[in-house]
Amino acid sequence: MLGLKRGIRMRTKTIGATYLLVGVILAAFVAVLVAVVRTTSAPDYNVQGAAAALIQPVVALVALTAIVCLMMVVYRNVALIRGTASERYFRTFTADKPVEWVERPTRTYMNLLELPVLFYLVCLLMLTTGRFDSVQVSLAWVFVITRYVHAFIYIGFNYVPLRFVAFLTGVFTLAVIWTRFAEQNMIWHLS
């Protein structure tokens, strides 16, 4: 009984330390977001240059998605060739589950088809309306970097607390992008 209590206390301390680390990283990231948002926007540059600046992070995210898709195909085929996964599993996804590393790129790929949809949409809306500034472009790059970090953590070593931080920083960044876009377009319509 004493050993069980000691084990629970040690686990509680470990979980507490993990959440403290997550909190510190998120607080630092929020400070970075605030600094980016508070920077004065550069004067409007020509329309083609502005569009190109916003399209670059979009292309970078598409490139990440393509790389992870390729990794998914390679990992799965290597697993089939080595016999660590069965064709039956890939037919039904219910039986003969392969080792965890085989499916990490697949889950990462699916992540890149979920949250980033809102990123692609806001970028398309910004390009269509022309209502964005250099701060929005910087935030777009921050979002893309969070997705690269998330993918690296997920596929590389899958440490859940860090993966969670990478995910939340992307969510926060996307929320700021959408909030700024909404504000810029509401002010434009009200004036």
N, C-alpha and C. Protein backbone atom coordinates (compact mmCIF):
# COMPACT_ATOMS: atom_id res chain seq x y z
N MET A 1 0.82 -1.19 0.00
CA MET A 1 0.00 0.00 0.00
C MET A 1 0.87 1.26 0.00
N LEU A 2 1.93 1.24 0.80
CA LEU A 2 2.84 2.38 0.88
C LEU A 2 3.51 2.62 -0.48
N GLY A 3 3.88 1.54 -1.15
CA GLY A 3 4.50 1.65 -2.47
C GLY A 3 3.54 2.26 -3.48
N LEU A 4 2.26 1.91 -3.40
CA LEU A 4 1.25 2.46 -4.30
C LEU A 4 1.09 3.96 -4.09
N LYS A 5 1.03 4.37 -2.81
CA LYS A 5 0.90 5.80 -2.51
C LYS A 5 2.12 6.57 -3.01
N ARG A 6 3.30 6.00 -2.81
CA ARG A 6 4.53 6.66 -3.27
C ARG A 6 4.50 6.78 -4.80
N GLY A 7 4.07 5.74 -5.47
CA GLY A 7 3.98 5.76 -6.93
C GLY A 7 3.00 6.81 -7.43
N ILE A 8 1.87 6.94 -6.74
CA ILE A 8 0.87 7.95 -7.13
C ILE A 8 1.44 9.35 -6.93
N ARG A 9 2.14 9.57 -5.79
CA ARG A 9 2.74 10.88 -5.53
C ARG A 9 3.78 11.23 -6.59
N MET A 10 4.61 10.25 -6.96
CA MET A 10 5.64 10.50 -7.96
C MET A 10 5.00 10.81 -9.31
N ARG A 11 3.96 10.08 -9.67
CA ARG A 11 3.27 10.32 -10.94
C ARG A 11 2.62 11.69 -10.93
N THR A 12 2.03 12.09 -9.81
CA THR A 12 1.40 13.40 -9.69
C THR A 12 2.44 14.50 -9.86
N LYS A 13 3.62 14.34 -9.25
CA LYS A 13 4.69 15.33 -9.41
C LYS A 13 5.14 15.41 -10.85
N THR A 14 5.26 14.26 -11.51
CA THR A 14 5.69 14.23 -12.91
C THR A 14 4.66 14.93 -13.81
N ILE A 15 3.39 14.63 -13.59
CA ILE A 15 2.34 15.27 -14.37
C ILE A 15 2.33 16.76 -14.11
N GLY A 16 2.48 17.15 -12.84
CA GLY A 16 2.52 18.57 -12.50
C GLY A 16 3.67 19.28 -13.19
N ALA A 17 4.84 18.66 -13.19
CA ALA A 17 6.01 19.25 -13.85
C ALA A 17 5.78 19.36 -15.35
N THR A 18 5.15 18.36 -15.92
CA THR A 18 4.86 18.38 -17.36
C THR A 18 3.92 19.52 -17.70
N TYR A 19 2.85 19.67 -16.92
CA TYR A 19 1.91 20.77 -17.19
C TYR A 19 2.54 22.13 -16.92
N LEU A 20 3.45 22.21 -15.97
CA LEU A 20 4.17 23.46 -15.73
C LEU A 20 5.01 23.81 -16.95
N LEU A 21 5.70 22.82 -17.51
CA LEU A 21 6.49 23.03 -18.72
C LEU A 21 5.61 23.47 -19.88
N VAL A 22 4.48 22.79 -20.06
CA VAL A 22 3.54 23.16 -21.12
C VAL A 22 3.07 24.60 -20.92
N GLY A 23 2.73 24.95 -19.68
CA GLY A 23 2.27 26.31 -19.38
C GLY A 23 3.32 27.36 -19.67
N VAL A 24 4.57 27.08 -19.30
CA VAL A 24 5.66 28.04 -19.54
C VAL A 24 5.87 28.23 -21.03
N ILE A 25 5.88 27.15 -21.78
CA ILE A 25 6.07 27.26 -23.24
C ILE A 25 4.92 28.03 -23.87
N LEU A 26 3.69 27.72 -23.46
CA LEU A 26 2.54 28.45 -24.01
C LEU A 26 2.58 29.93 -23.64
N ALA A 27 2.96 30.24 -22.42
CA ALA A 27 3.06 31.65 -22.00
C ALA A 27 4.10 32.39 -22.84
N ALA A 28 5.24 31.75 -23.07
CA ALA A 28 6.27 32.36 -23.91
C ALA A 28 5.76 32.56 -25.33
N PHE A 29 5.03 31.58 -25.83
CA PHE A 29 4.50 31.70 -27.19
C PHE A 29 3.47 32.82 -27.27
N VAL A 30 2.60 32.92 -26.27
CA VAL A 30 1.61 34.00 -26.26
C VAL A 30 2.33 35.35 -26.25
N ALA A 31 3.43 35.46 -25.52
CA ALA A 31 4.21 36.70 -25.51
C ALA A 31 4.74 37.01 -26.92
N VAL A 32 5.19 35.98 -27.63
CA VAL A 32 5.66 36.18 -29.00
C VAL A 32 4.50 36.63 -29.89
N LEU A 33 3.34 35.99 -29.75
CA LEU A 33 2.17 36.39 -30.54
C LEU A 33 1.81 37.85 -30.28
N VAL A 34 1.79 38.23 -29.02
CA VAL A 34 1.46 39.62 -28.67
C VAL A 34 2.47 40.56 -29.31
N ALA A 35 3.74 40.22 -29.26
CA ALA A 35 4.78 41.06 -29.87
C ALA A 35 4.58 41.18 -31.38
N VAL A 36 4.25 40.08 -32.04
CA VAL A 36 4.02 40.11 -33.48
C VAL A 36 2.82 40.99 -33.82
N VAL A 37 1.74 40.83 -33.08
CA VAL A 37 0.52 41.58 -33.37
C VAL A 37 0.70 43.07 -33.08
N ARG A 38 1.48 43.39 -32.06
CA ARG A 38 1.67 44.79 -31.69
C ARG A 38 2.67 45.52 -32.58
N THR A 39 3.42 44.80 -33.41
CA THR A 39 4.35 45.49 -34.30
C THR A 39 3.55 46.32 -35.28
N THR A 40 4.10 47.44 -35.62
CA THR A 40 3.39 48.28 -36.57
C THR A 40 3.47 47.64 -37.94
N SER A 41 2.35 47.63 -38.57
CA SER A 41 2.28 47.06 -39.90
C SER A 41 3.09 47.93 -40.85
N ALA A 42 3.81 47.27 -41.73
CA ALA A 42 4.56 48.00 -42.74
C ALA A 42 3.56 48.67 -43.67
N PRO A 43 3.94 49.77 -44.25
CA PRO A 43 3.02 50.42 -45.18
C PRO A 43 2.63 49.44 -46.29
N ASP A 44 1.44 49.62 -46.80
CA ASP A 44 0.98 48.71 -47.85
C ASP A 44 1.98 48.69 -48.99
N TYR A 45 2.31 47.50 -49.43
CA TYR A 45 3.19 47.35 -50.56
C TYR A 45 2.34 46.98 -51.76
N ASN A 46 2.95 46.90 -52.93
CA ASN A 46 2.14 46.66 -54.12
C ASN A 46 1.34 45.36 -53.99
N VAL A 47 0.25 45.31 -54.69
CA VAL A 47 -0.68 44.19 -54.57
C VAL A 47 -0.02 42.86 -54.92
N GLN A 48 0.75 42.82 -55.98
CA GLN A 48 1.40 41.57 -56.36
C GLN A 48 2.40 41.12 -55.31
N GLY A 49 3.16 42.05 -54.77
CA GLY A 49 4.12 41.72 -53.72
C GLY A 49 3.43 41.24 -52.46
N ALA A 50 2.32 41.87 -52.12
CA ALA A 50 1.57 41.47 -50.92
C ALA A 50 0.99 40.08 -51.12
N ALA A 51 0.42 39.82 -52.27
CA ALA A 51 -0.15 38.51 -52.54
C ALA A 51 0.93 37.43 -52.50
N ALA A 52 2.07 37.72 -53.10
CA ALA A 52 3.17 36.75 -53.09
C ALA A 52 3.64 36.48 -51.67
N ALA A 53 3.68 37.51 -50.84
CA ALA A 53 4.12 37.34 -49.45
C ALA A 53 3.17 36.44 -48.68
N LEU A 54 1.88 36.52 -48.96
CA LEU A 54 0.90 35.68 -48.27
C LEU A 54 0.82 34.28 -48.86
N ILE A 55 1.08 34.18 -50.15
CA ILE A 55 1.02 32.86 -50.79
C ILE A 55 2.19 31.97 -50.36
N GLN A 56 3.33 32.56 -50.03
CA GLN A 56 4.51 31.78 -49.64
C GLN A 56 4.25 30.85 -48.45
N PRO A 57 3.66 31.32 -47.34
CA PRO A 57 3.39 30.38 -46.24
C PRO A 57 2.37 29.31 -46.62
N VAL A 58 1.42 29.66 -47.48
CA VAL A 58 0.44 28.67 -47.95
C VAL A 58 1.16 27.57 -48.71
N VAL A 59 2.06 27.94 -49.60
CA VAL A 59 2.82 26.96 -50.37
C VAL A 59 3.71 26.12 -49.45
N ALA A 60 4.28 26.75 -48.43
CA ALA A 60 5.12 26.02 -47.48
C ALA A 60 4.31 24.96 -46.73
N LEU A 61 3.06 25.28 -46.39
CA LEU A 61 2.22 24.30 -45.71
C LEU A 61 1.79 23.18 -46.65
N VAL A 62 1.51 23.52 -47.89
CA VAL A 62 1.19 22.49 -48.88
C VAL A 62 2.40 21.57 -49.07
N ALA A 63 3.60 22.13 -49.09
CA ALA A 63 4.82 21.32 -49.23
C ALA A 63 4.96 20.37 -48.04
N LEU A 64 4.70 20.85 -46.83
CA LEU A 64 4.76 19.97 -45.66
C LEU A 64 3.76 18.83 -45.80
N THR A 65 2.56 19.14 -46.23
CA THR A 65 1.53 18.12 -46.40
C THR A 65 1.98 17.08 -47.42
N ALA A 66 2.58 17.52 -48.50
CA ALA A 66 3.07 16.58 -49.52
C ALA A 66 4.20 15.71 -48.98
N ILE A 67 5.11 16.31 -48.21
CA ILE A 67 6.22 15.54 -47.63
C ILE A 67 5.68 14.47 -46.68
N VAL A 68 4.75 14.85 -45.82
CA VAL A 68 4.18 13.90 -44.86
C VAL A 68 3.40 12.81 -45.59
N CYS A 69 2.70 13.16 -46.66
CA CYS A 69 1.97 12.16 -47.46
C CYS A 69 2.96 11.14 -48.05
N LEU A 70 4.06 11.63 -48.57
CA LEU A 70 5.09 10.74 -49.12
C LEU A 70 5.66 9.85 -48.01
N MET A 71 5.91 10.42 -46.84
CA MET A 71 6.41 9.62 -45.71
C MET A 71 5.41 8.53 -45.33
N MET A 72 4.12 8.88 -45.36
CA MET A 72 3.08 7.91 -45.04
C MET A 72 3.16 6.71 -45.99
N VAL A 73 3.27 7.01 -47.26
CA VAL A 73 3.34 5.94 -48.27
C VAL A 73 4.60 5.10 -48.06
N VAL A 74 5.72 5.75 -47.84
CA VAL A 74 6.98 5.02 -47.64
C VAL A 74 6.92 4.17 -46.38
N TYR A 75 6.50 4.75 -45.25
CA TYR A 75 6.43 3.99 -43.99
C TYR A 75 5.53 2.77 -44.13
N ARG A 76 4.38 2.95 -44.75
CA ARG A 76 3.45 1.83 -44.89
C ARG A 76 4.03 0.73 -45.78
N ASN A 77 4.66 1.13 -46.86
CA ASN A 77 5.23 0.12 -47.76
C ASN A 77 6.43 -0.58 -47.14
N VAL A 78 7.24 0.14 -46.41
CA VAL A 78 8.36 -0.48 -45.71
C VAL A 78 7.83 -1.49 -44.69
N ALA A 79 6.75 -1.11 -43.98
CA ALA A 79 6.16 -2.02 -42.99
C ALA A 79 5.61 -3.28 -43.67
N LEU A 80 5.00 -3.13 -44.84
CA LEU A 80 4.50 -4.30 -45.57
C LEU A 80 5.66 -5.20 -46.00
N ILE A 81 6.70 -4.58 -46.53
CA ILE A 81 7.86 -5.35 -47.02
C ILE A 81 8.54 -6.07 -45.86
N ARG A 82 8.68 -5.41 -44.73
CA ARG A 82 9.33 -6.01 -43.56
C ARG A 82 8.43 -7.00 -42.82
N GLY A 83 7.16 -6.98 -43.13
CA GLY A 83 6.23 -7.88 -42.45
C GLY A 83 5.75 -7.37 -41.11
N THR A 84 5.97 -6.09 -40.82
CA THR A 84 5.49 -5.52 -39.56
C THR A 84 4.07 -4.97 -39.68
N ALA A 85 3.52 -5.04 -40.87
CA ALA A 85 2.12 -4.67 -41.10
C ALA A 85 1.57 -5.62 -42.16
N SER A 86 0.27 -5.88 -42.08
CA SER A 86 -0.34 -6.79 -43.05
C SER A 86 -1.20 -6.00 -44.03
N GLU A 87 -1.34 -6.57 -45.21
CA GLU A 87 -2.21 -5.96 -46.21
C GLU A 87 -3.65 -5.92 -45.69
N ARG A 88 -3.99 -6.92 -44.91
CA ARG A 88 -5.34 -7.01 -44.33
C ARG A 88 -5.65 -5.76 -43.49
N TYR A 89 -4.67 -5.29 -42.74
CA TYR A 89 -4.89 -4.09 -41.92
C TYR A 89 -5.24 -2.90 -42.82
N PHE A 90 -4.52 -2.71 -43.90
CA PHE A 90 -4.75 -1.57 -44.77
C PHE A 90 -6.03 -1.70 -45.58
N ARG A 91 -6.58 -2.89 -45.63
CA ARG A 91 -7.86 -3.11 -46.31
C ARG A 91 -9.01 -2.67 -45.40
N THR A 92 -8.95 -3.01 -44.12
CA THR A 92 -10.08 -2.76 -43.21
C THR A 92 -9.77 -1.79 -42.08
N PHE A 93 -8.51 -1.59 -41.76
CA PHE A 93 -8.06 -0.75 -40.64
C PHE A 93 -8.65 -1.21 -39.30
N THR A 94 -8.96 -2.49 -39.20
CA THR A 94 -9.52 -3.02 -37.96
C THR A 94 -8.71 -4.17 -37.38
N ALA A 95 -8.06 -4.94 -38.21
CA ALA A 95 -7.35 -6.13 -37.73
C ALA A 95 -5.85 -5.99 -37.97
N ASP A 96 -5.07 -6.76 -37.25
CA ASP A 96 -3.62 -6.83 -37.44
C ASP A 96 -2.96 -5.45 -37.40
N LYS A 97 -3.30 -4.68 -36.39
CA LYS A 97 -2.77 -3.33 -36.28
C LYS A 97 -1.24 -3.35 -36.27
N PRO A 98 -0.60 -2.51 -37.11
CA PRO A 98 0.87 -2.50 -37.16
C PRO A 98 1.45 -1.76 -35.95
N VAL A 99 2.78 -1.80 -35.87
CA VAL A 99 3.46 -1.07 -34.80
C VAL A 99 3.18 0.43 -34.95
N GLU A 100 3.27 1.13 -33.84
CA GLU A 100 2.84 2.53 -33.77
C GLU A 100 3.56 3.45 -34.76
N TRP A 101 4.86 3.25 -34.98
CA TRP A 101 5.62 4.15 -35.85
C TRP A 101 5.11 4.14 -37.29
N VAL A 102 4.46 3.06 -37.68
CA VAL A 102 3.96 2.96 -39.05
C VAL A 102 2.84 3.96 -39.30
N GLU A 103 2.01 4.19 -38.31
CA GLU A 103 0.85 5.05 -38.49
C GLU A 103 1.06 6.50 -38.08
N ARG A 104 2.20 6.83 -37.50
CA ARG A 104 2.44 8.24 -37.12
C ARG A 104 2.34 9.19 -38.30
N PRO A 105 2.98 8.90 -39.44
CA PRO A 105 2.84 9.82 -40.57
C PRO A 105 1.38 9.93 -41.04
N THR A 106 0.63 8.84 -40.95
CA THR A 106 -0.78 8.88 -41.37
C THR A 106 -1.57 9.82 -40.47
N ARG A 107 -1.37 9.70 -39.17
CA ARG A 107 -2.09 10.58 -38.24
C ARG A 107 -1.63 12.03 -38.41
N THR A 108 -0.36 12.22 -38.68
CA THR A 108 0.15 13.57 -38.93
C THR A 108 -0.47 14.14 -40.20
N TYR A 109 -0.55 13.33 -41.23
CA TYR A 109 -1.16 13.75 -42.49
C TYR A 109 -2.62 14.16 -42.26
N MET A 110 -3.34 13.37 -41.49
CA MET A 110 -4.74 13.71 -41.20
C MET A 110 -4.82 15.03 -40.43
N ASN A 111 -3.89 15.27 -39.51
CA ASN A 111 -3.85 16.54 -38.80
C ASN A 111 -3.65 17.70 -39.77
N LEU A 112 -2.86 17.46 -40.81
CA LEU A 112 -2.60 18.51 -41.79
C LEU A 112 -3.78 18.74 -42.73
N LEU A 113 -4.79 17.90 -42.64
CA LEU A 113 -6.00 18.09 -43.44
C LEU A 113 -7.15 18.61 -42.58
N GLU A 114 -6.92 18.85 -41.31
CA GLU A 114 -7.98 19.29 -40.40
C GLU A 114 -7.84 20.78 -40.08
N LEU A 115 -7.05 21.14 -39.10
CA LEU A 115 -6.89 22.54 -38.68
C LEU A 115 -6.44 23.46 -39.83
N PRO A 116 -5.50 23.05 -40.66
CA PRO A 116 -5.06 23.94 -41.73
C PRO A 116 -6.15 24.34 -42.74
N VAL A 117 -7.25 23.63 -42.77
CA VAL A 117 -8.34 24.03 -43.67
C VAL A 117 -8.78 25.46 -43.33
N LEU A 118 -8.87 25.77 -42.04
CA LEU A 118 -9.24 27.12 -41.62
C LEU A 118 -8.16 28.13 -42.00
N PHE A 119 -6.91 27.70 -42.00
CA PHE A 119 -5.81 28.57 -42.43
C PHE A 119 -5.92 28.86 -43.92
N TYR A 120 -6.12 27.82 -44.70
CA TYR A 120 -6.25 28.02 -46.15
C TYR A 120 -7.43 28.94 -46.45
N LEU A 121 -8.53 28.76 -45.75
CA LEU A 121 -9.72 29.59 -45.98
C LEU A 121 -9.44 31.05 -45.66
N VAL A 122 -8.86 31.33 -44.51
CA VAL A 122 -8.61 32.73 -44.16
C VAL A 122 -7.61 33.36 -45.12
N CYS A 123 -6.61 32.60 -45.56
CA CYS A 123 -5.66 33.14 -46.54
C CYS A 123 -6.35 33.44 -47.87
N LEU A 124 -7.21 32.55 -48.29
CA LEU A 124 -7.97 32.79 -49.53
C LEU A 124 -8.85 34.03 -49.39
N LEU A 125 -9.51 34.16 -48.25
CA LEU A 125 -10.35 35.35 -48.02
C LEU A 125 -9.52 36.63 -47.98
N MET A 126 -8.35 36.56 -47.36
CA MET A 126 -7.48 37.75 -47.32
C MET A 126 -7.01 38.12 -48.72
N LEU A 127 -6.65 37.10 -49.52
CA LEU A 127 -6.21 37.38 -50.88
C LEU A 127 -7.35 37.93 -51.73
N THR A 128 -8.55 37.40 -51.53
CA THR A 128 -9.70 37.84 -52.31
C THR A 128 -10.09 39.27 -51.97
N THR A 129 -10.12 39.58 -50.68
CA THR A 129 -10.53 40.92 -50.25
C THR A 129 -9.40 41.92 -50.31
N GLY A 130 -8.15 41.43 -50.28
CA GLY A 130 -7.00 42.32 -50.23
C GLY A 130 -6.85 42.98 -48.87
N ARG A 131 -7.57 42.49 -47.87
CA ARG A 131 -7.56 43.08 -46.53
C ARG A 131 -6.62 42.30 -45.61
N PHE A 132 -5.33 42.55 -45.75
CA PHE A 132 -4.34 41.96 -44.85
C PHE A 132 -3.11 42.84 -44.88
N ASP A 133 -2.26 42.66 -43.90
CA ASP A 133 -1.06 43.47 -43.79
C ASP A 133 0.13 42.58 -43.49
N SER A 134 1.27 43.19 -43.25
CA SER A 134 2.48 42.42 -43.01
C SER A 134 2.39 41.63 -41.70
N VAL A 135 1.61 42.11 -40.75
CA VAL A 135 1.43 41.36 -39.50
C VAL A 135 0.69 40.05 -39.80
N GLN A 136 -0.33 40.09 -40.65
CA GLN A 136 -1.05 38.88 -41.02
C GLN A 136 -0.12 37.90 -41.74
N VAL A 137 0.75 38.41 -42.57
CA VAL A 137 1.71 37.55 -43.27
C VAL A 137 2.66 36.91 -42.26
N SER A 138 3.12 37.70 -41.29
CA SER A 138 4.00 37.15 -40.25
C SER A 138 3.27 36.09 -39.44
N LEU A 139 2.02 36.34 -39.10
CA LEU A 139 1.23 35.35 -38.35
C LEU A 139 1.02 34.08 -39.18
N ALA A 140 0.85 34.24 -40.48
CA ALA A 140 0.69 33.06 -41.35
C ALA A 140 1.95 32.21 -41.28
N TRP A 141 3.11 32.85 -41.30
CA TRP A 141 4.37 32.11 -41.18
C TRP A 141 4.48 31.43 -39.82
N VAL A 142 4.06 32.13 -38.77
CA VAL A 142 4.10 31.52 -37.43
C VAL A 142 3.23 30.27 -37.40
N PHE A 143 2.04 30.35 -37.98
CA PHE A 143 1.15 29.18 -38.02
C PHE A 143 1.82 28.03 -38.76
N VAL A 144 2.41 28.31 -39.90
CA VAL A 144 3.06 27.25 -40.69
C VAL A 144 4.21 26.63 -39.89
N ILE A 145 4.97 27.45 -39.21
CA ILE A 145 6.08 26.92 -38.39
C ILE A 145 5.53 26.01 -37.30
N THR A 146 4.40 26.38 -36.67
CA THR A 146 3.82 25.51 -35.64
C THR A 146 3.41 24.16 -36.22
N ARG A 147 2.95 24.15 -37.46
CA ARG A 147 2.56 22.89 -38.10
C ARG A 147 3.80 22.04 -38.42
N TYR A 148 4.88 22.67 -38.84
CA TYR A 148 6.12 21.94 -39.08
C TYR A 148 6.64 21.33 -37.78
N VAL A 149 6.62 22.12 -36.71
CA VAL A 149 7.08 21.62 -35.41
C VAL A 149 6.20 20.46 -34.95
N HIS A 150 4.89 20.62 -35.08
CA HIS A 150 3.95 19.56 -34.68
C HIS A 150 4.24 18.27 -35.45
N ALA A 151 4.42 18.38 -36.76
CA ALA A 151 4.69 17.20 -37.58
C ALA A 151 6.02 16.55 -37.19
N PHE A 152 7.03 17.36 -36.94
CA PHE A 152 8.33 16.82 -36.54
C PHE A 152 8.22 16.06 -35.22
N ILE A 153 7.53 16.66 -34.26
CA ILE A 153 7.37 16.00 -32.96
C ILE A 153 6.57 14.71 -33.11
N TYR A 154 5.46 14.78 -33.83
CA TYR A 154 4.58 13.62 -33.97
C TYR A 154 5.29 12.45 -34.64
N ILE A 155 5.93 12.71 -35.76
CA ILE A 155 6.59 11.63 -36.50
C ILE A 155 7.91 11.24 -35.84
N GLY A 156 8.63 12.21 -35.32
CA GLY A 156 9.96 11.96 -34.79
C GLY A 156 10.00 11.20 -33.49
N PHE A 157 9.41 11.77 -32.44
CA PHE A 157 9.54 11.13 -31.12
C PHE A 157 8.24 11.12 -30.33
N ASN A 158 7.23 11.81 -30.81
CA ASN A 158 5.86 11.74 -30.28
C ASN A 158 5.76 11.94 -28.77
N TYR A 159 6.43 12.97 -28.28
CA TYR A 159 6.29 13.33 -26.87
C TYR A 159 5.03 14.17 -26.74
N VAL A 160 4.00 13.60 -26.16
CA VAL A 160 2.66 14.19 -26.17
C VAL A 160 2.60 15.61 -25.60
N PRO A 161 3.22 15.91 -24.46
CA PRO A 161 3.14 17.30 -23.97
C PRO A 161 3.69 18.32 -24.96
N LEU A 162 4.80 18.04 -25.61
CA LEU A 162 5.34 18.97 -26.61
C LEU A 162 4.45 19.02 -27.85
N ARG A 163 3.93 17.88 -28.24
CA ARG A 163 3.02 17.84 -29.39
C ARG A 163 1.78 18.67 -29.09
N PHE A 164 1.28 18.59 -27.86
CA PHE A 164 0.13 19.37 -27.43
C PHE A 164 0.44 20.87 -27.49
N VAL A 165 1.62 21.24 -27.03
CA VAL A 165 2.03 22.65 -27.08
C VAL A 165 2.07 23.13 -28.54
N ALA A 166 2.66 22.32 -29.41
CA ALA A 166 2.74 22.69 -30.83
C ALA A 166 1.35 22.85 -31.43
N PHE A 167 0.45 21.96 -31.06
CA PHE A 167 -0.92 22.05 -31.55
C PHE A 167 -1.60 23.33 -31.04
N LEU A 168 -1.50 23.57 -29.73
CA LEU A 168 -2.16 24.75 -29.16
C LEU A 168 -1.59 26.06 -29.70
N THR A 169 -0.28 26.11 -29.93
CA THR A 169 0.29 27.34 -30.48
C THR A 169 -0.26 27.60 -31.87
N GLY A 170 -0.48 26.55 -32.63
CA GLY A 170 -1.11 26.71 -33.94
C GLY A 170 -2.55 27.20 -33.83
N VAL A 171 -3.28 26.63 -32.88
CA VAL A 171 -4.68 27.06 -32.66
C VAL A 171 -4.72 28.53 -32.26
N PHE A 172 -3.86 28.91 -31.32
CA PHE A 172 -3.82 30.32 -30.87
C PHE A 172 -3.49 31.24 -32.03
N THR A 173 -2.49 30.88 -32.81
CA THR A 173 -2.08 31.71 -33.93
C THR A 173 -3.21 31.85 -34.95
N LEU A 174 -3.86 30.75 -35.26
CA LEU A 174 -4.96 30.79 -36.21
C LEU A 174 -6.11 31.64 -35.68
N ALA A 175 -6.37 31.56 -34.38
CA ALA A 175 -7.42 32.38 -33.77
C ALA A 175 -7.08 33.87 -33.91
N VAL A 176 -5.82 34.22 -33.72
CA VAL A 176 -5.41 35.61 -33.87
C VAL A 176 -5.54 36.06 -35.32
N ILE A 177 -5.15 35.22 -36.25
CA ILE A 177 -5.29 35.56 -37.67
C ILE A 177 -6.75 35.83 -38.00
N TRP A 178 -7.63 34.93 -37.59
CA TRP A 178 -9.05 35.10 -37.88
C TRP A 178 -9.63 36.33 -37.20
N THR A 179 -9.22 36.58 -35.95
CA THR A 179 -9.72 37.74 -35.22
C THR A 179 -9.29 39.03 -35.91
N ARG A 180 -8.02 39.10 -36.29
CA ARG A 180 -7.54 40.30 -36.99
C ARG A 180 -8.24 40.46 -38.34
N PHE A 181 -8.43 39.36 -39.05
CA PHE A 181 -9.13 39.45 -40.34
C PHE A 181 -10.55 39.96 -40.15
N ALA A 182 -11.25 39.42 -39.16
CA ALA A 182 -12.62 39.86 -38.89
C ALA A 182 -12.65 41.34 -38.51
N GLU A 183 -11.73 41.75 -37.64
CA GLU A 183 -11.68 43.16 -37.24
C GLU A 183 -11.41 44.06 -38.42
N GLN A 184 -10.43 43.70 -39.25
CA GLN A 184 -10.08 44.53 -40.40
C GLN A 184 -11.25 44.64 -41.37
N ASN A 185 -12.00 43.59 -41.54
CA ASN A 185 -13.12 43.64 -42.49
C ASN A 185 -14.35 44.29 -41.89
N MET A 186 -14.55 44.18 -40.60
CA MET A 186 -15.69 44.86 -39.97
C MET A 186 -15.46 46.36 -39.96
N ILE A 187 -14.23 46.79 -39.66
CA ILE A 187 -13.91 48.21 -39.66
C ILE A 187 -14.07 48.77 -41.06
N TRP A 188 -13.63 48.01 -42.05
CA TRP A 188 -13.72 48.46 -43.44
C TRP A 188 -15.19 48.65 -43.85
N HIS A 189 -16.07 47.73 -43.44
CA HIS A 189 -17.48 47.82 -43.80
C HIS A 189 -18.20 48.91 -43.01
N LEU A 190 -17.74 49.21 -41.80
CA LEU A 190 -18.39 50.22 -41.00
C LEU A 190 -17.99 51.63 -41.40
N SER A 191 -16.85 51.77 -42.04
CA SER A 191 -16.41 53.13 -42.40
C SER A 191 -16.88 53.55 -43.77
